[in-house]
PDB file of N, CA and C in Angstrom:
ATOM      1  N   MET A   1       0.620  -1.399   0.117  1.00  0.00           N
ATOM      2  CA  MET A   1      -0.112   0.123   0.106  1.00  0.00           C
ATOM      3  C   MET A   1       0.867   1.380  -0.065  1.00  0.00           C
ATOM      4  N   ILE A   2       0.078   2.218  -1.179  1.00  0.00           N
ATOM      5  CA  ILE A   2       1.009   3.027  -0.823  1.00  0.00           C
ATOM      6  C   ILE A   2       0.557   4.650  -0.252  1.00  0.00           C
ATOM      7  N   SER A   3       0.761   5.607   0.369  1.00  0.00           N
ATOM      8  CA  SER A   3       0.102   6.664   0.994  1.00  0.00           C
ATOM      9  C   SER A   3      -0.280   7.961  -0.089  1.00  0.00           C
ATOM     10  N   PHE A   4      -1.564   8.645   0.204  1.00  0.00           N
ATOM     11  CA  PHE A   4      -1.850   9.561  -0.221  1.00  0.00           C
ATOM     12  C   PHE A   4      -0.616  10.715  -1.262  1.00  0.00           C
ATOM     13  N   GLU A   5      -0.516  10.662  -0.645  1.00  0.00           N
ATOM     14  CA  GLU A   5       0.599  11.432  -0.655  1.00  0.00           C
ATOM     15  C   GLU A   5       1.996  10.310  -2.427  1.00  0.00           C
ATOM     16  N   ASP A   6       1.591  10.269  -1.978  1.00  0.00           N
ATOM     17  CA  ASP A   6       2.932   8.829  -2.386  1.00  0.00           C
ATOM     18  C   ASP A   6       2.136   8.843  -4.606  1.00  0.00           C
ATOM     19  N   PHE A   7       1.251   8.881  -4.069  1.00  0.00           N
ATOM     20  CA  PHE A   7       0.329   8.647  -4.854  1.00  0.00           C
ATOM     21  C   PHE A   7       0.520  10.372  -6.240  1.00  0.00           C
ATOM     22  N   GLN A   8       0.470  11.267  -4.841  1.00  0.00           N
ATOM     23  CA  GLN A   8       0.293  12.523  -5.692  1.00  0.00           C
ATOM     24  C   GLN A   8       1.213  12.431  -6.207  1.00  0.00           C
ATOM     25  N   LYS A   9       2.714  12.244  -5.804  1.00  0.00           N
ATOM     26  CA  LYS A   9       4.300  12.583  -6.383  1.00  0.00           C
ATOM     27  C   LYS A   9       4.101  11.685  -8.379  1.00  0.00           C
ATOM     28  N   LEU A  10       2.731  10.843  -8.965  1.00  0.00           N
ATOM     29  CA  LEU A  10       2.809  10.352  -9.706  1.00  0.00           C
ATOM     30  C   LEU A  10       1.985  11.839 -11.140  1.00  0.00           C
ATOM     31  N   ASP A  11       2.445  12.157 -12.057  1.00  0.00           N
ATOM     32  CA  ASP A  11       2.934  12.532 -12.985  1.00  0.00           C
ATOM     33  C   ASP A  11       2.512  11.957 -13.435  1.00  0.00           C
ATOM     34  N   LEU A  12       0.696  12.176 -13.803  1.00  0.00           N
ATOM     35  CA  LEU A  12      -0.355  11.558 -14.851  1.00  0.00           C
ATOM     36  C   LEU A  12      -0.647  12.333 -16.228  1.00  0.00           C
ATOM     37  N   LYS A  13      -0.381  12.608 -17.573  1.00  0.00           N
ATOM     38  CA  LYS A  13      -1.294  13.413 -19.100  1.00  0.00           C
ATOM     39  C   LYS A  13      -1.875  12.972 -19.663  1.00  0.00           C
ATOM     40  N   VAL A  14      -2.582  13.306 -20.246  1.00  0.00           N
ATOM     41  CA  VAL A  14      -2.833  12.668 -21.506  1.00  0.00           C
ATOM     42  C   VAL A  14      -2.603  12.991 -22.824  1.00  0.00           C
ATOM     43  N   GLY A  15      -1.598  12.164 -23.838  1.00  0.00           N
ATOM     44  CA  GLY A  15      -1.387  12.916 -24.633  1.00  0.00           C
ATOM     45  C   GLY A  15      -1.429  12.095 -25.696  1.00  0.00           C
ATOM     46  N   THR A  16      -1.074  13.063 -26.981  1.00  0.00           N
ATOM     47  CA  THR A  16      -1.612  11.736 -28.465  1.00  0.00           C
ATOM     48  C   THR A  16      -0.473  11.109 -29.280  1.00  0.00           C
ATOM     49  N   ILE A  17      -0.742  10.620 -29.490  1.00  0.00           N
ATOM     50  CA  ILE A  17       0.074   9.508 -29.945  1.00  0.00           C
ATOM     51  C   ILE A  17       0.452   9.603 -31.623  1.00  0.00           C
ATOM     52  N   LYS A  18       1.729  10.162 -31.459  1.00  0.00           N
ATOM     53  CA  LYS A  18       1.472  11.301 -33.179  1.00  0.00           C
ATOM     54  C   LYS A  18       2.488  10.283 -34.090  1.00  0.00           C
ATOM     55  N   GLU A  19       3.941   9.435 -34.107  1.00  0.00           N
ATOM     56  CA  GLU A  19       4.226   7.986 -35.270  1.00  0.00           C
ATOM     57  C   GLU A  19       4.313   6.780 -33.801  1.00  0.00           C
ATOM     58  N   VAL A  20       4.919   5.802 -34.577  1.00  0.00           N
ATOM     59  CA  VAL A  20       4.985   4.547 -34.518  1.00  0.00           C
ATOM     60  C   VAL A  20       6.020   4.208 -35.758  1.00  0.00           C
ATOM     61  N   GLU A  21       6.757   3.419 -34.231  1.00  0.00           N
ATOM     62  CA  GLU A  21       8.029   3.128 -35.080  1.00  0.00           C
ATOM     63  C   GLU A  21       7.990   1.400 -34.567  1.00  0.00           C
ATOM     64  N   ASP A  22       8.168   0.575 -34.878  1.00  0.00           N
ATOM     65  CA  ASP A  22       8.269  -0.638 -34.639  1.00  0.00           C
ATOM     66  C   ASP A  22      10.321  -0.877 -34.032  1.00  0.00           C
ATOM     67  N   ILE A  23      10.910  -1.490 -33.353  1.00  0.00           N
ATOM     68  CA  ILE A  23      11.893  -1.151 -32.631  1.00  0.00           C
ATOM     69  C   ILE A  23      11.883  -3.086 -33.092  1.00  0.00           C
ATOM     70  N   THR A  24      13.388  -3.134 -34.435  1.00  0.00           N
ATOM     71  CA  THR A  24      13.062  -4.467 -34.920  1.00  0.00           C
ATOM     72  C   THR A  24      13.708  -5.813 -34.608  1.00  0.00           C
ATOM     73  N   ASP A  25      14.152  -5.117 -33.224  1.00  0.00           N
ATOM     74  CA  ASP A  25      14.938  -6.199 -32.633  1.00  0.00           C
ATOM     75  C   ASP A  25      14.813  -6.823 -31.696  1.00  0.00           C
ATOM     76  N   ALA A  26      13.446  -6.192 -31.417  1.00  0.00           N
ATOM     77  CA  ALA A  26      13.081  -6.153 -29.660  1.00  0.00           C
ATOM     78  C   ALA A  26      11.930  -6.790 -30.538  1.00  0.00           C
ATOM     79  N   ASN A  27      11.065  -8.077 -29.123  1.00  0.00           N
ATOM     80  CA  ASN A  27       9.928  -8.966 -29.472  1.00  0.00           C
ATOM     81  C   ASN A  27       8.962  -8.216 -29.261  1.00  0.00           C
ATOM     82  N   LYS A  28       8.996  -7.588 -28.236  1.00  0.00           N
ATOM     83  CA  LYS A  28       7.640  -6.536 -27.634  1.00  0.00           C
ATOM     84  C   LYS A  28       7.119  -4.888 -27.831  1.00  0.00           C
ATOM     85  N   LEU A  29       9.147  -4.385 -27.890  1.00  0.00           N
ATOM     86  CA  LEU A  29       8.813  -3.397 -28.272  1.00  0.00           C
ATOM     87  C   LEU A  29       8.729  -2.761 -29.276  1.00  0.00           C
ATOM     88  N   ILE A  30       7.631  -1.551 -28.875  1.00  0.00           N
ATOM     89  CA  ILE A  30       7.888  -0.191 -30.143  1.00  0.00           C
ATOM     90  C   ILE A  30       7.680   1.216 -29.478  1.00  0.00           C
ATOM     91  N   LEU A  31       7.865   2.331 -30.653  1.00  0.00           N
ATOM     92  CA  LEU A  31       9.047   3.333 -30.360  1.00  0.00           C
ATOM     93  C   LEU A  31       7.412   4.547 -30.876  1.00  0.00           C
ATOM     94  N   LEU A  32       6.928   5.107 -29.874  1.00  0.00           N
ATOM     95  CA  LEU A  32       6.538   6.313 -29.778  1.00  0.00           C
ATOM     96  C   LEU A  32       6.302   8.057 -29.379  1.00  0.00           C
ATOM     97  N   GLN A  33       6.001   8.006 -29.910  1.00  0.00           N
ATOM     98  CA  GLN A  33       6.022   9.789 -30.033  1.00  0.00           C
ATOM     99  C   GLN A  33       4.408  10.259 -30.415  1.00  0.00           C
ATOM    100  N   VAL A  34       4.749  11.085 -28.458  1.00  0.00           N
ATOM    101  CA  VAL A  34       4.053  11.088 -27.972  1.00  0.00           C
ATOM    102  C   VAL A  34       3.597  12.430 -27.083  1.00  0.00           C
ATOM    103  N   SER A  35       2.522  13.940 -27.839  1.00  0.00           N
ATOM    104  CA  SER A  35       2.660  14.948 -28.256  1.00  0.00           C
ATOM    105  C   SER A  35       2.180  15.329 -27.062  1.00  0.00           C
ATOM    106  N   LEU A  36       2.213  16.276 -25.600  1.00  0.00           N
ATOM    107  CA  LEU A  36       2.114  16.397 -24.530  1.00  0.00           C
ATOM    108  C   LEU A  36       1.797  18.224 -24.393  1.00  0.00           C
ATOM    109  N   ALA A  37       0.714  18.431 -26.154  1.00  0.00           N
ATOM    110  CA  ALA A  37       0.720  19.261 -25.716  1.00  0.00           C
ATOM    111  C   ALA A  37       2.088  20.750 -26.375  1.00  0.00           C
ATOM    112  N   ASP A  38       2.891  20.874 -24.734  1.00  0.00           N
ATOM    113  CA  ASP A  38       3.737  21.910 -24.712  1.00  0.00           C
ATOM    114  C   ASP A  38       5.495  20.761 -25.442  1.00  0.00           C
ATOM    115  N   GLU A  39       5.321  19.887 -25.358  1.00  0.00           N
ATOM    116  CA  GLU A  39       6.430  19.048 -25.224  1.00  0.00           C
ATOM    117  C   GLU A  39       6.027  17.274 -26.757  1.00  0.00           C
ATOM    118  N   THR A  40       7.283  16.828 -27.040  1.00  0.00           N
ATOM    119  CA  THR A  40       6.687  15.943 -27.196  1.00  0.00           C
ATOM    120  C   THR A  40       7.606  14.941 -27.224  1.00  0.00           C
ATOM    121  N   ARG A  41       7.452  13.677 -25.803  1.00  0.00           N
ATOM    122  CA  ARG A  41       8.359  12.639 -25.506  1.00  0.00           C
ATOM    123  C   ARG A  41       7.502  11.628 -26.269  1.00  0.00           C
ATOM    124  N   GLN A  42       9.362  10.270 -26.348  1.00  0.00           N
ATOM    125  CA  GLN A  42       9.172   9.242 -27.424  1.00  0.00           C
ATOM    126  C   GLN A  42       9.259   8.707 -25.659  1.00  0.00           C
ATOM    127  N   VAL A  43       8.038   7.517 -25.939  1.00  0.00           N
ATOM    128  CA  VAL A  43       8.211   6.100 -24.980  1.00  0.00           C
ATOM    129  C   VAL A  43       8.682   4.829 -25.805  1.00  0.00           C
ATOM    130  N   VAL A  44       9.494   3.814 -25.473  1.00  0.00           N
ATOM    131  CA  VAL A  44       9.422   2.842 -25.624  1.00  0.00           C
ATOM    132  C   VAL A  44       8.134   2.072 -25.194  1.00  0.00           C
ATOM    133  N   ALA A  45       7.464   1.127 -25.690  1.00  0.00           N
ATOM    134  CA  ALA A  45       6.411   0.843 -24.404  1.00  0.00           C
ATOM    135  C   ALA A  45       6.375  -0.832 -25.078  1.00  0.00           C
ATOM    136  N   GLY A  46       5.658  -1.790 -24.349  1.00  0.00           N
ATOM    137  CA  GLY A  46       5.241  -3.127 -25.007  1.00  0.00           C
ATOM    138  C   GLY A  46       4.737  -3.962 -24.765  1.00  0.00           C
ATOM    139  N   ILE A  47       3.875  -2.529 -26.260  1.00  0.00           N
ATOM    140  CA  ILE A  47       2.293  -3.492 -26.786  1.00  0.00           C
ATOM    141  C   ILE A  47       2.867  -3.965 -27.983  1.00  0.00           C
ATOM    142  N   LYS A  48       4.114  -4.478 -28.875  1.00  0.00           N
ATOM    143  CA  LYS A  48       3.937  -5.050 -30.146  1.00  0.00           C
ATOM    144  C   LYS A  48       3.096  -5.665 -30.397  1.00  0.00           C
ATOM    145  N   ASN A  49       2.799  -7.129 -29.284  1.00  0.00           N
ATOM    146  CA  ASN A  49       2.435  -8.430 -29.782  1.00  0.00           C
ATOM    147  C   ASN A  49       0.667  -8.306 -29.754  1.00  0.00           C
ATOM    148  N   ASP A  50       0.473  -6.088 -29.061  1.00  0.00           N
ATOM    149  CA  ASP A  50      -1.145  -6.842 -28.529  1.00  0.00           C
ATOM    150  C   ASP A  50      -2.052  -5.902 -29.857  1.00  0.00           C
ATOM    151  N   VAL A  51      -0.574  -5.210 -31.045  1.00  0.00           N
ATOM    152  CA  VAL A  51      -1.646  -4.015 -32.448  1.00  0.00           C
ATOM    153  C   VAL A  51      -1.221  -4.698 -33.180  1.00  0.00           C
ATOM    154  N   ASP A  52      -2.822  -4.853 -33.985  1.00  0.00           N
ATOM    155  CA  ASP A  52      -2.591  -5.772 -35.664  1.00  0.00           C
ATOM    156  C   ASP A  52      -1.928  -5.134 -36.293  1.00  0.00           C
ATOM    157  N   TYR A  53      -1.682  -3.754 -35.905  1.00  0.00           N
ATOM    158  CA  TYR A  53      -1.439  -2.695 -37.111  1.00  0.00           C
ATOM    159  C   TYR A  53      -0.957  -1.136 -36.079  1.00  0.00           C
ATOM    160  N   LEU A  54       0.999  -1.279 -36.340  1.00  0.00           N
ATOM    161  CA  LEU A  54       1.392  -0.047 -35.502  1.00  0.00           C
ATOM    162  C   LEU A  54       1.484   1.325 -36.208  1.00  0.00           C
ATOM    163  N   ASP A  55       0.575   1.801 -37.326  1.00  0.00           N
ATOM    164  CA  ASP A  55      -0.433   3.216 -37.714  1.00  0.00           C
ATOM    165  C   ASP A  55      -1.634   3.364 -37.299  1.00  0.00           C
ATOM    166  N   ASP A  56      -2.254   2.028 -36.769  1.00  0.00           N
ATOM    167  CA  ASP A  56      -2.880   2.221 -35.992  1.00  0.00           C
ATOM    168  C   ASP A  56      -3.807   3.197 -34.847  1.00  0.00           C
ATOM    169  N   LEU A  57      -2.424   3.134 -34.328  1.00  0.00           N
ATOM    170  CA  LEU A  57      -2.721   3.711 -33.098  1.00  0.00           C
ATOM    171  C   LEU A  57      -2.077   5.402 -32.705  1.00  0.00           C
ATOM    172  N   VAL A  58      -1.884   5.838 -34.222  1.00  0.00           N
ATOM    173  CA  VAL A  58      -1.309   7.275 -34.524  1.00  0.00           C
ATOM    174  C   VAL A  58      -2.726   7.367 -34.386  1.00  0.00           C
ATOM    175  N   GLY A  59      -3.244   9.114 -33.708  1.00  0.00           N
ATOM    176  CA  GLY A  59      -4.111   9.484 -33.562  1.00  0.00           C
ATOM    177  C   GLY A  59      -4.824   9.326 -32.293  1.00  0.00           C
ATOM    178  N   GLN A  60      -5.134   8.293 -31.480  1.00  0.00           N
ATOM    179  CA  GLN A  60      -5.363   7.860 -30.200  1.00  0.00           C
ATOM    180  C   GLN A  60      -4.864   7.979 -29.123  1.00  0.00           C
ATOM    181  N   GLN A  61      -6.009   8.864 -27.966  1.00  0.00           N
ATOM    182  CA  GLN A  61      -5.138   9.292 -26.928  1.00  0.00           C
ATOM    183  C   GLN A  61      -4.891   8.040 -26.171  1.00  0.00           C
ATOM    184  N   VAL A  62      -3.977   8.975 -24.707  1.00  0.00           N
ATOM    185  CA  VAL A  62      -3.205   7.574 -24.073  1.00  0.00           C
ATOM    186  C   VAL A  62      -2.914   7.933 -22.524  1.00  0.00           C
ATOM    187  N   VAL A  63      -3.259   7.782 -21.365  1.00  0.00           N
ATOM    188  CA  VAL A  63      -2.941   8.750 -20.353  1.00  0.00           C
ATOM    189  C   VAL A  63      -0.806   7.887 -19.656  1.00  0.00           C
ATOM    190  N   MET A  64      -0.613   9.184 -19.605  1.00  0.00           N
ATOM    191  CA  MET A  64       0.495   8.394 -19.323  1.00  0.00           C
ATOM    192  C   MET A  64       1.719   9.350 -18.469  1.00  0.00           C
ATOM    193  N   VAL A  65       2.489   8.227 -17.416  1.00  0.00           N
ATOM    194  CA  VAL A  65       2.842   8.697 -16.646  1.00  0.00           C
ATOM    195  C   VAL A  65       3.957   9.403 -16.928  1.00  0.00           C
ATOM    196  N   THR A  66       4.251  11.233 -16.596  1.00  0.00           N
ATOM    197  CA  THR A  66       5.534  11.942 -17.335  1.00  0.00           C
ATOM    198  C   THR A  66       7.260  11.657 -16.474  1.00  0.00           C
ATOM    199  N   ASN A  67       6.319  11.705 -15.513  1.00  0.00           N
ATOM    200  CA  ASN A  67       8.253  12.451 -14.620  1.00  0.00           C
ATOM    201  C   ASN A  67       8.722  10.944 -14.041  1.00  0.00           C
ATOM    202  N   LEU A  68       8.513   9.850 -14.380  1.00  0.00           N
ATOM    203  CA  LEU A  68       9.672   8.664 -14.673  1.00  0.00           C
ATOM    204  C   LEU A  68      11.006   9.574 -14.605  1.00  0.00           C
ATOM    205  N   LYS A  69      12.280   8.773 -14.854  1.00  0.00           N
ATOM    206  CA  LYS A  69      13.183   8.916 -14.730  1.00  0.00           C
ATOM    207  C   LYS A  69      13.202   8.401 -16.329  1.00  0.00           C
ATOM    208  N   PRO A  70      13.991   8.881 -17.076  1.00  0.00           N
ATOM    209  CA  PRO A  70      14.410   8.720 -18.246  1.00  0.00           C
ATOM    210  C   PRO A  70      15.092   6.831 -18.660  1.00  0.00           C
ATOM    211  N   LYS A  71      14.647   6.126 -19.051  1.00  0.00           N
ATOM    212  CA  LYS A  71      15.660   4.659 -19.384  1.00  0.00           C
ATOM    213  C   LYS A  71      15.981   3.834 -21.071  1.00  0.00           C
ATOM    214  N   GLU A  72      17.224   3.603 -21.026  1.00  0.00           N
ATOM    215  CA  GLU A  72      17.398   3.737 -22.287  1.00  0.00           C
ATOM    216  C   GLU A  72      17.206   1.734 -22.742  1.00  0.00           C
ATOM    217  N   MET A  73      16.150   1.746 -23.968  1.00  0.00           N
ATOM    218  CA  MET A  73      16.053   0.458 -23.627  1.00  0.00           C
ATOM    219  C   MET A  73      16.688   0.321 -25.891  1.00  0.00           C
ATOM    220  N   PHE A  74      17.144  -0.890 -26.140  1.00  0.00           N
ATOM    221  CA  PHE A  74      16.753  -1.234 -26.749  1.00  0.00           C
ATOM    222  C   PHE A  74      17.609   0.305 -27.862  1.00  0.00           C
ATOM    223  N   GLY A  75      18.273   0.800 -26.836  1.00  0.00           N
ATOM    224  CA  GLY A  75      18.898   1.996 -27.772  1.00  0.00           C
ATOM    225  C   GLY A  75      18.381   2.908 -28.071  1.00  0.00           C
ATOM    226  N   HIS A  76      16.721   3.185 -27.335  1.00  0.00           N
ATOM    227  CA  HIS A  76      16.304   4.600 -27.410  1.00  0.00           C
ATOM    228  C   HIS A  76      16.130   4.666 -25.913  1.00  0.00           C
ATOM    229  N   GLU A  77      15.721   6.069 -25.620  1.00  0.00           N
ATOM    230  CA  GLU A  77      15.042   6.587 -24.360  1.00  0.00           C
ATOM    231  C   GLU A  77      13.863   6.393 -24.210  1.00  0.00           C
ATOM    232  N   SER A  78      13.478   5.342 -23.431  1.00  0.00           N
ATOM    233  CA  SER A  78      12.193   5.877 -22.769  1.00  0.00           C
ATOM    234  C   SER A  78      12.214   6.753 -21.804  1.00  0.00           C
ATOM    235  N   GLN A  79      10.857   8.248 -21.868  1.00  0.00           N
ATOM    236  CA  GLN A  79      10.744   9.729 -21.174  1.00  0.00           C
ATOM    237  C   GLN A  79       9.083   9.003 -20.190  1.00  0.00           C
ATOM    238  N   GLY A  80       8.777   8.546 -20.487  1.00  0.00           N
ATOM    239  CA  GLY A  80       7.461   7.818 -19.772  1.00  0.00           C
ATOM    240  C   GLY A  80       7.412   6.499 -19.213  1.00  0.00           C
ATOM    241  N   MET A  81       5.934   5.951 -19.147  1.00  0.00           N
ATOM    242  CA  MET A  81       5.343   5.106 -19.514  1.00  0.00           C
ATOM    243  C   MET A  81       3.811   5.114 -20.132  1.00  0.00           C
ATOM    244  N   ILE A  82       3.584   3.579 -21.350  1.00  0.00           N
ATOM    245  CA  ILE A  82       1.993   5.060 -21.429  1.00  0.00           C
ATOM    246  C   ILE A  82       1.045   3.791 -20.528  1.00  0.00           C
ATOM    247  N   LEU A  83      -0.005   3.958 -20.161  1.00  0.00           N
ATOM    248  CA  LEU A  83      -0.757   2.769 -19.345  1.00  0.00           C
ATOM    249  C   LEU A  83      -1.403   1.873 -20.267  1.00  0.00           C
ATOM    250  N   ALA A  84      -1.513   0.658 -19.364  1.00  0.00           N
ATOM    251  CA  ALA A  84      -2.233  -0.449 -19.859  1.00  0.00           C
ATOM    252  C   ALA A  84      -2.868  -1.181 -19.207  1.00  0.00           C
ATOM    253  N   ALA A  85      -3.951  -1.853 -19.914  1.00  0.00           N
ATOM    254  CA  ALA A  85      -4.777  -2.730 -18.862  1.00  0.00           C
ATOM    255  C   ALA A  85      -4.712  -3.898 -19.738  1.00  0.00           C
ATOM    256  N   ARG A  86      -4.227  -5.249 -18.741  1.00  0.00           N
ATOM    257  CA  ARG A  86      -3.772  -6.583 -19.906  1.00  0.00           C
ATOM    258  C   ARG A  86      -5.692  -7.403 -19.869  1.00  0.00           C
ATOM    259  N   GLY A  87      -5.877  -7.325 -20.579  1.00  0.00           N
ATOM    260  CA  GLY A  87      -7.203  -7.798 -20.130  1.00  0.00           C
ATOM    261  C   GLY A  87      -6.830  -8.822 -21.922  1.00  0.00           C
ATOM    262  N   ASP A  88      -8.278 -10.179 -21.823  1.00  0.00           N
ATOM    263  CA  ASP A  88      -8.076 -10.910 -22.195  1.00  0.00           C
ATOM    264  C   ASP A  88      -7.253 -10.789 -23.922  1.00  0.00           C
ATOM    265  N   SER A  89      -7.500 -10.098 -24.968  1.00  0.00           N
ATOM    266  CA  SER A  89      -7.335 -10.420 -26.224  1.00  0.00           C
ATOM    267  C   SER A  89      -5.838  -9.322 -26.001  1.00  0.00           C
ATOM    268  N   GLY A  90      -5.766  -8.733 -24.728  1.00  0.00           N
ATOM    269  CA  GLY A  90      -4.145  -7.926 -24.584  1.00  0.00           C
ATOM    270  C   GLY A  90      -4.012  -6.915 -24.201  1.00  0.00           C
ATOM    271  N   ALA A  91      -3.369  -6.050 -24.819  1.00  0.00           N
ATOM    272  CA  ALA A  91      -3.095  -4.380 -23.495  1.00  0.00           C
ATOM    273  C   ALA A  91      -4.438  -4.183 -24.398  1.00  0.00           C
ATOM    274  N   VAL A  92      -5.284  -3.256 -23.664  1.00  0.00           N
ATOM    275  CA  VAL A  92      -5.981  -2.374 -24.043  1.00  0.00           C
ATOM    276  C   VAL A  92      -6.132  -0.974 -24.020  1.00  0.00           C
ATOM    277  N   LEU A  93      -5.107  -0.035 -24.772  1.00  0.00           N
ATOM    278  CA  LEU A  93      -4.355   1.866 -24.008  1.00  0.00           C
ATOM    279  C   LEU A  93      -5.854   2.101 -22.972  1.00  0.00           C
ATOM    280  N   VAL A  94      -4.670   2.824 -21.784  1.00  0.00           N
ATOM    281  CA  VAL A  94      -5.966   3.213 -20.533  1.00  0.00           C
ATOM    282  C   VAL A  94      -6.106   4.701 -21.876  1.00  0.00           C
ATOM    283  N   ALA A  95      -7.165   5.551 -21.834  1.00  0.00           N
ATOM    284  CA  ALA A  95      -6.813   6.903 -22.213  1.00  0.00           C
ATOM    285  C   ALA A  95      -8.944   8.135 -22.520  1.00  0.00           C
ATOM    286  N   PRO A  96      -8.669   8.876 -22.282  1.00  0.00           N
ATOM    287  CA  PRO A  96      -9.373   9.532 -21.682  1.00  0.00           C
ATOM    288  C   PRO A  96     -10.845   8.676 -22.603  1.00  0.00           C
ATOM    289  N   ARG A  97     -12.187   8.676 -22.281  1.00  0.00           N
ATOM    290  CA  ARG A  97     -13.725   8.422 -22.900  1.00  0.00           C
ATOM    291  C   ARG A  97     -13.953   9.106 -23.962  1.00  0.00           C
ATOM    292  N   GLN A  98     -13.524  11.007 -23.824  1.00  0.00           N
ATOM    293  CA  GLN A  98     -13.814  11.952 -24.792  1.00  0.00           C
ATOM    294  C   GLN A  98     -12.570  12.565 -25.212  1.00  0.00           C
ATOM    295  N   SER A  99     -12.440  13.199 -26.237  1.00  0.00           N
ATOM    296  CA  SER A  99     -10.848  13.960 -26.201  1.00  0.00           C
ATOM    297  C   SER A  99     -11.409  14.859 -25.081  1.00  0.00           C
ATOM    298  N   VAL A 100      -9.813  15.142 -24.916  1.00  0.00           N
ATOM    299  CA  VAL A 100      -9.455  16.584 -24.362  1.00  0.00           C
ATOM    300  C   VAL A 100      -7.827  16.811 -25.050  1.00  0.00           C
ATOM    301  N   ALA A 101      -7.424  18.244 -24.555  1.00  0.00           N
ATOM    302  CA  ALA A 101      -6.499  19.222 -25.002  1.00  0.00           C
ATOM    303  C   ALA A 101      -5.317  17.567 -24.364  1.00  0.00           C
ATOM    304  N   ASP A 102      -4.378  17.789 -25.674  1.00  0.00           N
ATOM    305  CA  ASP A 102      -3.035  17.363 -24.934  1.00  0.00           C
ATOM    306  C   ASP A 102      -1.839  17.721 -23.765  1.00  0.00           C
ATOM    307  N   GLY A 103      -2.148  17.407 -22.874  1.00  0.00           N
ATOM    308  CA  GLY A 103      -1.672  17.555 -21.527  1.00  0.00           C
ATOM    309  C   GLY A 103      -1.800  17.829 -20.388  1.00  0.00           C
ATOM    310  N   THR A 104      -3.187  17.411 -20.426  1.00  0.00           N
ATOM    311  CA  THR A 104      -4.663  17.366 -19.705  1.00  0.00           C
ATOM    312  C   THR A 104      -3.915  16.433 -18.115  1.00  0.00           C
ATOM    313  N   VAL A 105      -4.560  17.132 -17.495  1.00  0.00           N
ATOM    314  CA  VAL A 105      -3.472  16.401 -15.945  1.00  0.00           C
ATOM    315  C   VAL A 105      -4.766  16.058 -15.172  1.00  0.00           C
ATOM    316  N   VAL A 106      -4.103  14.267 -15.186  1.00  0.00           N
ATOM    317  CA  VAL A 106      -5.557  13.145 -14.843  1.00  0.00           C
ATOM    318  C   VAL A 106      -5.147  13.171 -13.399  1.00  0.00           C
ATOM    319  N   SER A 107      -6.198  13.078 -12.438  1.00  0.00           N
ATOM    320  CA  SER A 107      -6.086  13.342 -11.109  1.00  0.00           C
ATOM    321  C   SER A 107      -7.295  12.133 -10.707  1.00  0.00           C
TER     322      SER A 107
END
């Protein structure tokens, strides 16, 4: 269990996926460019096997953790984490029910 104060340390924002690239030497990883309005973040996400066509992700809004320390994976720096739920058919990206402005804070 974490405290409410610990939860408040998470910086969750809505962003729009602008570009998707396959990381060919990784079994599960893809590279996303996510717009947060005032900046674009590069995110390495382990959802390659859950997506039929990578281009279908372009334009989708997602919720991401924006204040994680950057991490290098397969030669790419990941600058956040996309939130997803694992269902029977694979990963389902967490997104707002209605479109909101990129960079909107999730609370």
